Amino acid sequence: MAGKEEHEMARSDVDPRLFAARLREVVADEPKAFAYDVGVSLSALYNYLNGRIPSTPVLFRIARYTGRPMEWFLGGEEDLSAVACRHQSARSETLSAARM
């Protein structure tokens, strides 16, 4: 039961309006094609566009399809460029450590 409680607590920390706004940004004007490509029903996609947070597997598919990290859809004030900068910095540190 603790796993379910932790999952519910984590979902309650997500701002559904932010999630919906970011999803609208990537869906643009092609919801039917987007739903098909991601593997969800059109009604499920409309639920997500209205603020329902998808399950982790669905969110993973959305993130993978759009090329954006899952955190971007769920994150607070952080935008994609901040995530990209952190990723690039971590990669540079890894490469530097590997050369030593």
Protein backbone atom coordinates (compact mmCIF):
# COMPACT_ATOMS: atom_id res chain seq x y z
CA MET A 1 0.00 0.00 0.00
CA ALA A 2 2.87 2.39 0.66
CA GLY A 3 3.75 2.34 -3.04
CA LYS A 4 0.27 3.47 -4.03
CA GLU A 5 0.28 6.23 -1.39
CA GLU A 6 3.67 7.49 -2.60
CA HIS A 7 2.39 7.45 -6.19
CA GLU A 8 -0.72 9.45 -5.24
CA MET A 9 1.37 11.95 -3.29
CA ALA A 10 3.73 12.43 -6.23
CA ARG A 11 0.82 13.01 -8.62
CA SER A 12 -0.71 15.57 -6.27
CA ASP A 13 2.49 17.64 -6.51
CA VAL A 14 1.98 18.12 -10.25
CA ASP A 15 0.19 21.24 -11.49
CA PRO A 16 -2.46 19.93 -13.91
CA ARG A 17 -2.77 23.33 -15.61
CA LEU A 18 0.95 23.42 -16.37
CA PHE A 19 0.86 19.86 -17.65
CA ALA A 20 -2.14 20.63 -19.90
CA ALA A 21 -0.52 23.81 -21.25
CA ARG A 22 2.70 22.02 -22.12
CA LEU A 23 0.82 19.15 -23.70
CA ARG A 24 -1.23 21.61 -25.78
CA GLU A 25 2.05 23.12 -26.94
CA VAL A 26 3.25 19.83 -28.42
CA VAL A 27 -0.11 18.55 -29.66
CA ALA A 28 -0.75 21.80 -31.55
CA ASP A 29 -3.62 21.38 -34.00
CA GLU A 30 -3.26 17.63 -34.62
CA PRO A 31 -4.88 15.88 -31.63
CA LYS A 32 -6.19 12.90 -33.59
CA ALA A 33 -2.82 12.12 -35.17
CA PHE A 34 -1.00 12.76 -31.89
CA ALA A 35 -3.31 10.38 -29.98
CA TYR A 36 -2.86 7.70 -32.61
CA ASP A 37 0.94 8.08 -32.72
CA VAL A 38 1.25 7.96 -28.92
CA GLY A 39 -1.16 5.04 -28.60
CA VAL A 40 -3.99 6.60 -26.59
CA SER A 41 -7.62 7.17 -27.45
CA LEU A 42 -8.69 10.61 -28.57
CA SER A 43 -10.92 10.91 -25.51
CA ALA A 44 -7.97 10.10 -23.24
CA LEU A 45 -5.89 12.77 -24.96
CA TYR A 46 -8.68 15.32 -24.44
CA ASN A 47 -8.74 14.35 -20.75
CA TYR A 48 -5.00 15.04 -20.58
CA LEU A 49 -5.46 18.34 -22.43
CA ASN A 50 -8.01 19.28 -19.76
CA GLY A 51 -5.57 18.61 -16.92
CA ARG A 52 -5.76 14.91 -16.15
CA ILE A 53 -2.27 13.56 -15.50
CA PRO A 54 -1.57 10.36 -17.47
CA SER A 55 -0.05 7.23 -16.04
CA THR A 56 3.73 6.99 -16.08
CA PRO A 57 3.85 4.65 -19.11
CA VAL A 58 1.65 7.02 -21.12
CA LEU A 59 3.67 10.03 -20.02
CA PHE A 60 6.82 8.19 -21.05
CA ARG A 61 5.39 7.55 -24.53
CA ILE A 62 4.37 11.21 -24.85
CA ALA A 63 7.82 12.38 -23.79
CA ARG A 64 9.56 9.96 -26.12
CA TYR A 65 7.35 10.90 -29.05
CA THR A 66 7.84 14.64 -28.53
CA GLY A 67 11.54 14.44 -27.72
CA ARG A 68 11.01 16.30 -24.45
CA PRO A 69 11.86 14.96 -21.01
CA MET A 70 9.02 13.79 -18.77
CA GLU A 71 10.13 16.38 -16.23
CA TRP A 72 9.36 19.17 -18.70
CA PHE A 73 5.70 18.19 -18.72
CA LEU A 74 5.57 17.87 -14.93
CA GLY A 75 8.11 20.47 -13.82
CA GLY A 76 7.46 23.71 -12.05
CA GLU A 77 9.14 26.79 -13.44
CA GLU A 78 11.84 24.88 -15.25
CA ASP A 79 11.79 25.08 -19.02
CA LEU A 80 13.29 22.81 -21.63
CA SER A 81 16.45 24.91 -22.04
CA ALA A 82 17.28 24.51 -18.35
CA VAL A 83 16.90 20.74 -18.62
CA ALA A 84 19.07 20.72 -21.76
CA CYS A 85 21.77 22.80 -20.05
CA ARG A 86 21.87 20.42 -17.06
CA HIS A 87 22.03 17.41 -19.39
CA GLN A 88 24.87 18.97 -21.40
CA SER A 89 26.75 19.89 -18.22
CA ALA A 90 26.42 16.37 -16.81
CA ARG A 91 27.54 14.89 -20.12
CA SER A 92 30.59 17.19 -20.24
CA GLU A 93 31.54 16.19 -16.69
CA THR A 94 31.21 12.51 -17.60
CA LEU A 95 33.36 12.93 -20.69
CA SER A 96 36.00 14.88 -18.73
CA ALA A 97 36.13 12.19 -16.05
CA ALA A 98 36.44 9.47 -18.70
CA ARG A 99 39.46 11.21 -20.29
CA MET A 100 41.37 11.33 -17.00
